[in-house]
Amino acid sequence: MAVRTALLGALLGLGAGLAGACARKSFRTAILGATAGLSVGSLIGYVPVWPLMAVYTRAEDAGPGELTRAILLHLGLWLPVGAAAGLGLALGLGSPRRIPAAVLGGLIGVALGTLGYEVLGSMIYPLAETGGPVALEWQPRLLATLLVAVGAAGGAAALVRSSK
């Protein structure tokens, strides 16, 4: 799971950095945004997995199956990925002063995507254990990835655009 989350963070940070640079049409900012998004995204996608899983496992041993626990776990895993997307976008645009707005937008987008996943995943795939760290079937895992990625990119872009 750590590799999956790190890969999501790396690709989302890379893509957001490149998207920002394409909007600005600058090769230099493309390199900066893509490199920062890739490296930061992979690092902060990987590091929180181990401590979060330790806390989650202890909580599950105490009493399994709470929706709040699943939401907090997924937010803990995916919020850093949203921050990386916002950072990559702001640097890709060549505007470090937009970093706070872009990161906040990425965080808000991931939070909304996570809540959407928890609701939709439990309704559409009730037997896939979407409340666990990783769903049992590929369809809800794809749903989670898409909602997180679209939420992070959309939120970062929306707040960067409004902070001009």
N, C-alpha and C. Protein backbone atom coordinates (compact mmCIF):
# COMPACT_ATOMS: atom_id res chain seq x y z
N MET A 1 0.82 -1.19 0.00
CA MET A 1 0.00 0.00 0.00
C MET A 1 0.86 1.26 0.00
N ALA A 2 2.01 1.23 0.65
CA ALA A 2 2.88 2.40 0.68
C ALA A 2 3.36 2.75 -0.72
N VAL A 3 3.68 1.75 -1.50
CA VAL A 3 4.16 2.00 -2.86
C VAL A 3 3.03 2.58 -3.71
N ARG A 4 1.82 2.07 -3.52
CA ARG A 4 0.66 2.56 -4.27
C ARG A 4 0.40 4.04 -3.98
N THR A 5 0.44 4.41 -2.71
CA THR A 5 0.19 5.79 -2.31
C THR A 5 1.34 6.70 -2.77
N ALA A 6 2.57 6.20 -2.68
CA ALA A 6 3.71 6.99 -3.16
C ALA A 6 3.64 7.20 -4.66
N LEU A 7 3.23 6.17 -5.38
CA LEU A 7 3.10 6.30 -6.83
C LEU A 7 1.99 7.28 -7.19
N LEU A 8 0.88 7.24 -6.48
CA LEU A 8 -0.21 8.19 -6.71
C LEU A 8 0.28 9.61 -6.46
N GLY A 9 0.98 9.82 -5.36
CA GLY A 9 1.51 11.14 -5.06
C GLY A 9 2.51 11.62 -6.09
N ALA A 10 3.39 10.72 -6.52
CA ALA A 10 4.40 11.09 -7.51
C ALA A 10 3.77 11.46 -8.84
N LEU A 11 2.85 10.64 -9.31
CA LEU A 11 2.23 10.90 -10.61
C LEU A 11 1.33 12.12 -10.58
N LEU A 12 0.63 12.31 -9.49
CA LEU A 12 -0.24 13.48 -9.39
C LEU A 12 0.57 14.76 -9.28
N GLY A 13 1.64 14.74 -8.48
CA GLY A 13 2.52 15.91 -8.38
C GLY A 13 3.20 16.21 -9.71
N LEU A 14 3.65 15.17 -10.39
CA LEU A 14 4.28 15.34 -11.70
C LEU A 14 3.30 15.91 -12.71
N GLY A 15 2.11 15.33 -12.76
CA GLY A 15 1.10 15.80 -13.71
C GLY A 15 0.66 17.22 -13.44
N ALA A 16 0.48 17.57 -12.18
CA ALA A 16 0.07 18.94 -11.85
C ALA A 16 1.17 19.94 -12.19
N GLY A 17 2.42 19.57 -11.94
CA GLY A 17 3.53 20.44 -12.29
C GLY A 17 3.62 20.66 -13.78
N LEU A 18 3.45 19.60 -14.55
CA LEU A 18 3.48 19.73 -16.01
C LEU A 18 2.28 20.52 -16.53
N ALA A 19 1.13 20.32 -15.91
CA ALA A 19 -0.06 21.06 -16.34
C ALA A 19 0.12 22.56 -16.10
N GLY A 20 0.67 22.91 -14.96
CA GLY A 20 0.92 24.31 -14.67
C GLY A 20 1.91 24.91 -15.66
N ALA A 21 2.94 24.16 -16.00
CA ALA A 21 3.94 24.66 -16.94
C ALA A 21 3.37 24.77 -18.35
N CYS A 22 2.50 23.86 -18.72
CA CYS A 22 1.86 23.94 -20.04
C CYS A 22 0.99 25.19 -20.13
N ALA A 23 0.33 25.54 -19.05
CA ALA A 23 -0.50 26.74 -19.05
C ALA A 23 0.37 27.99 -19.21
N ARG A 24 1.56 27.93 -18.70
CA ARG A 24 2.48 29.08 -18.78
C ARG A 24 3.39 29.00 -19.99
N LYS A 25 3.50 27.83 -20.58
CA LYS A 25 4.37 27.59 -21.75
C LYS A 25 5.83 27.91 -21.45
N SER A 26 6.31 27.34 -20.34
CA SER A 26 7.69 27.58 -19.93
C SER A 26 8.37 26.26 -19.65
N PHE A 27 9.49 26.01 -20.32
CA PHE A 27 10.24 24.78 -20.11
C PHE A 27 10.89 24.76 -18.73
N ARG A 28 11.41 25.90 -18.28
CA ARG A 28 12.08 25.97 -16.98
C ARG A 28 11.11 25.65 -15.84
N THR A 29 9.92 26.24 -15.87
CA THR A 29 8.96 25.95 -14.81
C THR A 29 8.40 24.54 -14.94
N ALA A 30 8.40 23.99 -16.15
CA ALA A 30 7.96 22.60 -16.32
C ALA A 30 8.90 21.67 -15.57
N ILE A 31 10.19 21.91 -15.71
CA ILE A 31 11.18 21.08 -15.01
C ILE A 31 11.04 21.26 -13.50
N LEU A 32 10.93 22.49 -13.05
CA LEU A 32 10.82 22.77 -11.62
C LEU A 32 9.55 22.16 -11.02
N GLY A 33 8.40 22.45 -11.65
CA GLY A 33 7.14 21.94 -11.12
C GLY A 33 7.05 20.43 -11.17
N ALA A 34 7.48 19.84 -12.28
CA ALA A 34 7.42 18.38 -12.42
C ALA A 34 8.36 17.69 -11.44
N THR A 35 9.57 18.21 -11.29
CA THR A 35 10.54 17.61 -10.37
C THR A 35 10.08 17.73 -8.92
N ALA A 36 9.63 18.92 -8.55
CA ALA A 36 9.16 19.12 -7.17
C ALA A 36 7.94 18.27 -6.89
N GLY A 37 6.98 18.27 -7.81
CA GLY A 37 5.78 17.47 -7.62
C GLY A 37 6.08 15.98 -7.52
N LEU A 38 6.97 15.50 -8.38
CA LEU A 38 7.33 14.08 -8.39
C LEU A 38 8.03 13.69 -7.10
N SER A 39 9.04 14.45 -6.71
CA SER A 39 9.82 14.06 -5.53
C SER A 39 9.03 14.25 -4.23
N VAL A 40 8.38 15.39 -4.09
CA VAL A 40 7.59 15.63 -2.87
C VAL A 40 6.40 14.67 -2.81
N GLY A 41 5.74 14.48 -3.94
CA GLY A 41 4.59 13.59 -3.97
C GLY A 41 4.94 12.16 -3.59
N SER A 42 6.05 11.66 -4.10
CA SER A 42 6.43 10.29 -3.77
C SER A 42 6.84 10.17 -2.31
N LEU A 43 7.54 11.16 -1.80
CA LEU A 43 7.99 11.12 -0.42
C LEU A 43 6.83 11.23 0.57
N ILE A 44 5.99 12.24 0.39
CA ILE A 44 4.91 12.39 1.36
C ILE A 44 3.75 11.44 1.09
N GLY A 45 3.78 10.76 -0.03
CA GLY A 45 2.83 9.68 -0.25
C GLY A 45 3.26 8.40 0.45
N TYR A 46 4.56 8.24 0.63
CA TYR A 46 5.12 7.00 1.20
C TYR A 46 5.25 7.05 2.72
N VAL A 47 5.77 8.14 3.23
CA VAL A 47 6.14 8.23 4.65
C VAL A 47 4.98 8.03 5.63
N PRO A 48 3.81 8.64 5.45
CA PRO A 48 2.77 8.51 6.48
C PRO A 48 2.10 7.14 6.54
N VAL A 49 2.33 6.29 5.59
CA VAL A 49 1.61 5.01 5.54
C VAL A 49 1.91 4.15 6.76
N TRP A 50 3.16 4.01 7.12
CA TRP A 50 3.53 3.10 8.21
C TRP A 50 2.97 3.53 9.55
N PRO A 51 3.14 4.78 9.98
CA PRO A 51 2.55 5.15 11.28
C PRO A 51 1.02 5.11 11.27
N LEU A 52 0.41 5.51 10.15
CA LEU A 52 -1.05 5.45 10.08
C LEU A 52 -1.56 4.02 10.17
N MET A 53 -0.89 3.11 9.50
CA MET A 53 -1.33 1.71 9.55
C MET A 53 -1.17 1.12 10.95
N ALA A 54 -0.12 1.53 11.66
CA ALA A 54 0.06 1.03 13.03
C ALA A 54 -1.08 1.51 13.93
N VAL A 55 -1.43 2.77 13.82
CA VAL A 55 -2.54 3.32 14.61
C VAL A 55 -3.85 2.66 14.21
N TYR A 56 -4.07 2.52 12.90
CA TYR A 56 -5.30 1.91 12.40
C TYR A 56 -5.44 0.46 12.89
N THR A 57 -4.36 -0.29 12.84
CA THR A 57 -4.40 -1.70 13.26
C THR A 57 -4.73 -1.81 14.75
N ARG A 58 -4.13 -0.95 15.56
CA ARG A 58 -4.44 -0.97 17.00
C ARG A 58 -5.91 -0.62 17.24
N ALA A 59 -6.42 0.36 16.52
CA ALA A 59 -7.82 0.76 16.67
C ALA A 59 -8.76 -0.35 16.20
N GLU A 60 -8.41 -1.03 15.12
CA GLU A 60 -9.24 -2.14 14.63
C GLU A 60 -9.25 -3.29 15.61
N ASP A 61 -8.14 -3.53 16.29
CA ASP A 61 -8.10 -4.59 17.30
C ASP A 61 -9.03 -4.27 18.46
N ALA A 62 -9.16 -2.99 18.77
CA ALA A 62 -10.02 -2.57 19.88
C ALA A 62 -11.50 -2.70 19.51
N GLY A 63 -11.84 -2.48 18.28
CA GLY A 63 -13.23 -2.56 17.84
C GLY A 63 -13.33 -2.29 16.35
N PRO A 64 -13.62 -3.30 15.55
CA PRO A 64 -13.57 -3.13 14.09
C PRO A 64 -14.76 -2.38 13.51
N GLY A 65 -14.53 -1.83 12.33
CA GLY A 65 -15.59 -1.40 11.46
C GLY A 65 -16.25 -0.06 11.67
N GLU A 66 -15.56 0.97 12.06
CA GLU A 66 -16.17 2.28 12.19
C GLU A 66 -15.92 3.11 10.94
N LEU A 67 -16.95 3.79 10.47
CA LEU A 67 -16.81 4.63 9.29
C LEU A 67 -15.88 5.82 9.56
N THR A 68 -15.97 6.38 10.74
CA THR A 68 -15.10 7.51 11.08
C THR A 68 -13.64 7.10 10.99
N ARG A 69 -13.31 5.92 11.45
CA ARG A 69 -11.94 5.42 11.40
C ARG A 69 -11.48 5.27 9.95
N ALA A 70 -12.34 4.77 9.09
CA ALA A 70 -11.99 4.61 7.68
C ALA A 70 -11.76 5.96 7.01
N ILE A 71 -12.62 6.93 7.32
CA ILE A 71 -12.46 8.27 6.74
C ILE A 71 -11.15 8.89 7.21
N LEU A 72 -10.85 8.80 8.49
CA LEU A 72 -9.61 9.38 9.01
C LEU A 72 -8.38 8.70 8.42
N LEU A 73 -8.44 7.38 8.26
CA LEU A 73 -7.31 6.66 7.65
C LEU A 73 -7.09 7.13 6.23
N HIS A 74 -8.14 7.17 5.43
CA HIS A 74 -7.99 7.57 4.03
C HIS A 74 -7.59 9.04 3.90
N LEU A 75 -8.11 9.89 4.76
CA LEU A 75 -7.67 11.29 4.75
C LEU A 75 -6.18 11.39 5.08
N GLY A 76 -5.75 10.62 6.06
CA GLY A 76 -4.34 10.62 6.43
C GLY A 76 -3.44 10.14 5.31
N LEU A 77 -3.92 9.19 4.54
CA LEU A 77 -3.14 8.67 3.41
C LEU A 77 -3.14 9.61 2.22
N TRP A 78 -4.27 10.25 1.95
CA TRP A 78 -4.44 10.97 0.69
C TRP A 78 -4.27 12.48 0.79
N LEU A 79 -4.41 13.08 1.96
CA LEU A 79 -4.22 14.53 2.07
C LEU A 79 -2.81 14.96 1.65
N PRO A 80 -1.76 14.24 2.04
CA PRO A 80 -0.43 14.64 1.57
C PRO A 80 -0.31 14.63 0.05
N VAL A 81 -1.00 13.71 -0.59
CA VAL A 81 -0.99 13.63 -2.06
C VAL A 81 -1.61 14.90 -2.66
N GLY A 82 -2.68 15.39 -2.06
CA GLY A 82 -3.31 16.63 -2.52
C GLY A 82 -2.39 17.82 -2.33
N ALA A 83 -1.65 17.83 -1.24
CA ALA A 83 -0.69 18.92 -1.01
C ALA A 83 0.40 18.90 -2.07
N ALA A 84 0.88 17.72 -2.43
CA ALA A 84 1.91 17.60 -3.47
C ALA A 84 1.39 18.08 -4.82
N ALA A 85 0.15 17.77 -5.12
CA ALA A 85 -0.44 18.24 -6.39
C ALA A 85 -0.50 19.76 -6.42
N GLY A 86 -0.91 20.37 -5.32
CA GLY A 86 -0.96 21.82 -5.26
C GLY A 86 0.40 22.45 -5.37
N LEU A 87 1.39 21.87 -4.71
CA LEU A 87 2.75 22.38 -4.80
C LEU A 87 3.27 22.28 -6.23
N GLY A 88 3.08 21.13 -6.86
CA GLY A 88 3.53 20.96 -8.24
C GLY A 88 2.87 21.95 -9.18
N LEU A 89 1.57 22.18 -9.00
CA LEU A 89 0.85 23.11 -9.86
C LEU A 89 1.38 24.54 -9.70
N ALA A 90 1.53 24.97 -8.46
CA ALA A 90 2.00 26.34 -8.22
C ALA A 90 3.41 26.55 -8.77
N LEU A 91 4.29 25.58 -8.56
CA LEU A 91 5.65 25.73 -9.07
C LEU A 91 5.68 25.61 -10.59
N GLY A 92 4.82 24.77 -11.14
CA GLY A 92 4.72 24.66 -12.59
C GLY A 92 4.24 25.95 -13.22
N LEU A 93 3.40 26.67 -12.51
CA LEU A 93 2.94 27.97 -13.00
C LEU A 93 4.01 29.04 -12.82
N GLY A 94 5.07 28.70 -12.09
CA GLY A 94 6.14 29.66 -11.86
C GLY A 94 5.78 30.73 -10.87
N SER A 95 4.91 30.39 -9.93
CA SER A 95 4.42 31.38 -8.98
C SER A 95 4.46 30.84 -7.55
N PRO A 96 5.61 30.94 -6.89
CA PRO A 96 5.70 30.44 -5.51
C PRO A 96 4.72 31.12 -4.55
N ARG A 97 4.30 32.34 -4.84
CA ARG A 97 3.35 33.01 -3.94
C ARG A 97 1.98 32.34 -3.98
N ARG A 98 1.71 31.53 -4.99
CA ARG A 98 0.44 30.81 -5.07
C ARG A 98 0.47 29.45 -4.37
N ILE A 99 1.61 29.09 -3.81
CA ILE A 99 1.73 27.77 -3.17
C ILE A 99 0.68 27.57 -2.07
N PRO A 100 0.48 28.52 -1.14
CA PRO A 100 -0.53 28.27 -0.09
C PRO A 100 -1.93 28.02 -0.66
N ALA A 101 -2.34 28.81 -1.64
CA ALA A 101 -3.68 28.62 -2.21
C ALA A 101 -3.77 27.29 -2.94
N ALA A 102 -2.72 26.92 -3.68
CA ALA A 102 -2.74 25.67 -4.44
C ALA A 102 -2.75 24.47 -3.50
N VAL A 103 -1.95 24.52 -2.46
CA VAL A 103 -1.91 23.41 -1.49
C VAL A 103 -3.25 23.29 -0.76
N LEU A 104 -3.80 24.42 -0.34
CA LEU A 104 -5.11 24.39 0.32
C LEU A 104 -6.17 23.82 -0.61
N GLY A 105 -6.15 24.23 -1.87
CA GLY A 105 -7.10 23.70 -2.84
C GLY A 105 -6.95 22.20 -3.03
N GLY A 106 -5.70 21.73 -3.09
CA GLY A 106 -5.46 20.29 -3.21
C GLY A 106 -5.98 19.53 -2.00
N LEU A 107 -5.79 20.11 -0.82
CA LEU A 107 -6.28 19.46 0.41
C LEU A 107 -7.81 19.41 0.45
N ILE A 108 -8.45 20.51 0.09
CA ILE A 108 -9.91 20.54 0.07
C ILE A 108 -10.46 19.55 -0.96
N GLY A 109 -9.85 19.53 -2.14
CA GLY A 109 -10.29 18.61 -3.18
C GLY A 109 -10.15 17.15 -2.76
N VAL A 110 -9.04 16.81 -2.11
CA VAL A 110 -8.84 15.43 -1.64
C VAL A 110 -9.85 15.09 -0.54
N ALA A 111 -10.11 16.04 0.35
CA ALA A 111 -11.08 15.78 1.42
C ALA A 111 -12.47 15.48 0.82
N LEU A 112 -12.87 16.26 -0.17
CA LEU A 112 -14.16 16.01 -0.82
C LEU A 112 -14.16 14.69 -1.59
N GLY A 113 -13.05 14.41 -2.27
CA GLY A 113 -12.93 13.14 -2.98
C GLY A 113 -12.97 11.95 -2.04
N THR A 114 -12.34 12.09 -0.89
CA THR A 114 -12.33 11.01 0.10
C THR A 114 -13.73 10.76 0.65
N LEU A 115 -14.43 11.81 0.98
CA LEU A 115 -15.80 11.66 1.47
C LEU A 115 -16.69 11.04 0.39
N GLY A 116 -16.51 11.47 -0.85
CA GLY A 116 -17.25 10.87 -1.95
C GLY A 116 -16.96 9.39 -2.10
N TYR A 117 -15.70 9.03 -1.94
CA TYR A 117 -15.32 7.61 -2.03
C TYR A 117 -15.96 6.80 -0.92
N GLU A 118 -15.92 7.32 0.28
CA GLU A 118 -16.49 6.57 1.41
C GLU A 118 -17.98 6.32 1.20
N VAL A 119 -18.70 7.33 0.73
CA VAL A 119 -20.14 7.19 0.53
C VAL A 119 -20.43 6.28 -0.68
N LEU A 120 -19.84 6.63 -1.82
CA LEU A 120 -20.10 5.85 -3.04
C LEU A 120 -19.57 4.43 -2.93
N GLY A 121 -18.37 4.29 -2.38
CA GLY A 121 -17.77 2.96 -2.26
C GLY A 121 -18.60 2.02 -1.41
N SER A 122 -19.12 2.52 -0.30
CA SER A 122 -19.92 1.65 0.56
C SER A 122 -21.29 1.33 -0.05
N MET A 123 -21.81 2.25 -0.88
CA MET A 123 -23.12 2.01 -1.50
C MET A 123 -23.01 1.11 -2.73
N ILE A 124 -22.03 1.39 -3.58
CA ILE A 124 -21.92 0.66 -4.84
C ILE A 124 -21.22 -0.68 -4.67
N TYR A 125 -20.24 -0.75 -3.77
CA TYR A 125 -19.46 -1.97 -3.55
C TYR A 125 -19.53 -2.39 -2.09
N PRO A 126 -20.69 -2.83 -1.62
CA PRO A 126 -20.84 -3.13 -0.19
C PRO A 126 -20.01 -4.31 0.30
N LEU A 127 -19.62 -5.21 -0.59
CA LEU A 127 -18.86 -6.39 -0.16
C LEU A 127 -17.36 -6.24 -0.37
N ALA A 128 -16.91 -5.10 -0.87
CA ALA A 128 -15.50 -4.90 -1.20
C ALA A 128 -14.68 -4.37 -0.03
N GLU A 129 -15.29 -4.18 1.12
CA GLU A 129 -14.62 -3.65 2.31
C GLU A 129 -13.89 -2.35 2.02
N THR A 130 -14.63 -1.38 1.50
CA THR A 130 -14.04 -0.09 1.16
C THR A 130 -13.63 0.71 2.40
N GLY A 131 -14.09 0.32 3.56
CA GLY A 131 -13.70 1.00 4.79
C GLY A 131 -12.34 0.58 5.30
N GLY A 132 -11.76 -0.45 4.71
CA GLY A 132 -10.42 -0.89 5.11
C GLY A 132 -9.35 -0.07 4.41
N PRO A 133 -8.10 -0.36 4.70
CA PRO A 133 -7.01 0.38 4.07
C PRO A 133 -7.03 0.29 2.54
N VAL A 134 -7.28 -0.90 2.02
CA VAL A 134 -7.36 -1.10 0.57
C VAL A 134 -8.57 -1.98 0.29
N ALA A 135 -9.41 -1.56 -0.63
CA ALA A 135 -10.61 -2.33 -0.96
C ALA A 135 -10.21 -3.67 -1.58
N LEU A 136 -11.08 -4.66 -1.44
CA LEU A 136 -10.78 -6.01 -1.92
C LEU A 136 -10.85 -6.14 -3.44
N GLU A 137 -11.64 -5.29 -4.08
CA GLU A 137 -11.82 -5.39 -5.53
C GLU A 137 -11.16 -4.21 -6.22
N TRP A 138 -10.87 -4.36 -7.51
CA TRP A 138 -10.18 -3.31 -8.25
C TRP A 138 -11.07 -2.12 -8.56
N GLN A 139 -12.35 -2.32 -8.71
CA GLN A 139 -13.24 -1.22 -9.08
C GLN A 139 -13.28 -0.12 -8.02
N PRO A 140 -13.46 -0.45 -6.74
CA PRO A 140 -13.44 0.64 -5.75
C PRO A 140 -12.06 1.25 -5.57
N ARG A 141 -11.00 0.48 -5.81
CA ARG A 141 -9.66 1.07 -5.75
C ARG A 141 -9.48 2.10 -6.87
N LEU A 142 -10.00 1.78 -8.05
CA LEU A 142 -9.96 2.73 -9.16
C LEU A 142 -10.80 3.97 -8.84
N LEU A 143 -11.98 3.75 -8.27
CA LEU A 143 -12.84 4.86 -7.88
C LEU A 143 -12.12 5.79 -6.90
N ALA A 144 -11.45 5.21 -5.92
CA ALA A 144 -10.71 6.01 -4.94
C ALA A 144 -9.62 6.83 -5.62
N THR A 145 -8.86 6.19 -6.48
CA THR A 145 -7.77 6.88 -7.17
C THR A 145 -8.29 8.02 -8.01
N LEU A 146 -9.37 7.79 -8.74
CA LEU A 146 -9.93 8.83 -9.60
C LEU A 146 -10.50 9.99 -8.79
N LEU A 147 -11.23 9.69 -7.74
CA LEU A 147 -11.81 10.76 -6.93
C LEU A 147 -10.74 11.59 -6.23
N VAL A 148 -9.69 10.94 -5.75
CA VAL A 148 -8.61 11.66 -5.10
C VAL A 148 -7.86 12.52 -6.12
N ALA A 149 -7.54 11.95 -7.27
CA ALA A 149 -6.77 12.69 -8.27
C ALA A 149 -7.56 13.87 -8.83
N VAL A 150 -8.80 13.64 -9.19
CA VAL A 150 -9.62 14.72 -9.74
C VAL A 150 -9.89 15.77 -8.67
N GLY A 151 -10.14 15.34 -7.46
CA GLY A 151 -10.37 16.29 -6.37
C GLY A 151 -9.15 17.16 -6.11
N ALA A 152 -7.97 16.54 -6.05
CA ALA A 152 -6.75 17.30 -5.78
C ALA A 152 -6.45 18.29 -6.90
N ALA A 153 -6.50 17.82 -8.12
CA ALA A 153 -6.20 18.69 -9.26
C ALA A 153 -7.24 19.80 -9.40
N GLY A 154 -8.50 19.44 -9.28
CA GLY A 154 -9.57 20.43 -9.42
C GLY A 154 -9.54 21.46 -8.32
N GLY A 155 -9.33 21.01 -7.09
CA GLY A 155 -9.28 21.94 -5.97
C GLY A 155 -8.10 22.88 -6.06
N ALA A 156 -6.94 22.35 -6.41
CA ALA A 156 -5.74 23.19 -6.55
C ALA A 156 -5.93 24.21 -7.66
N ALA A 157 -6.45 23.76 -8.79
CA ALA A 157 -6.65 24.67 -9.93
C ALA A 157 -7.67 25.76 -9.59
N ALA A 158 -8.73 25.37 -8.90
CA ALA A 158 -9.78 26.34 -8.57
C ALA A 158 -9.26 27.44 -7.63
N LEU A 159 -8.51 27.06 -6.60
CA LEU A 159 -8.04 28.07 -5.67
C LEU A 159 -6.89 28.88 -6.24
N VAL A 160 -6.07 28.27 -7.09
CA VAL A 160 -5.01 29.04 -7.73
C VAL A 160 -5.60 30.08 -8.66
N ARG A 161 -6.62 29.68 -9.38
CA ARG A 161 -7.27 30.60 -10.32
C ARG A 161 -7.92 31.77 -9.57
N SER A 162 -8.53 31.48 -8.42
CA SER A 162 -9.21 32.54 -7.67
C SER A 162 -8.22 33.42 -6.89
N SER A 163 -6.96 33.02 -6.77
CA SER A 163 -6.00 33.80 -5.99
C SER A 163 -5.16 34.75 -6.84
N LYS A 164 -5.53 34.94 -8.09
CA LYS A 164 -4.75 35.82 -8.97
C LYS A 164 -4.74 37.23 -8.49
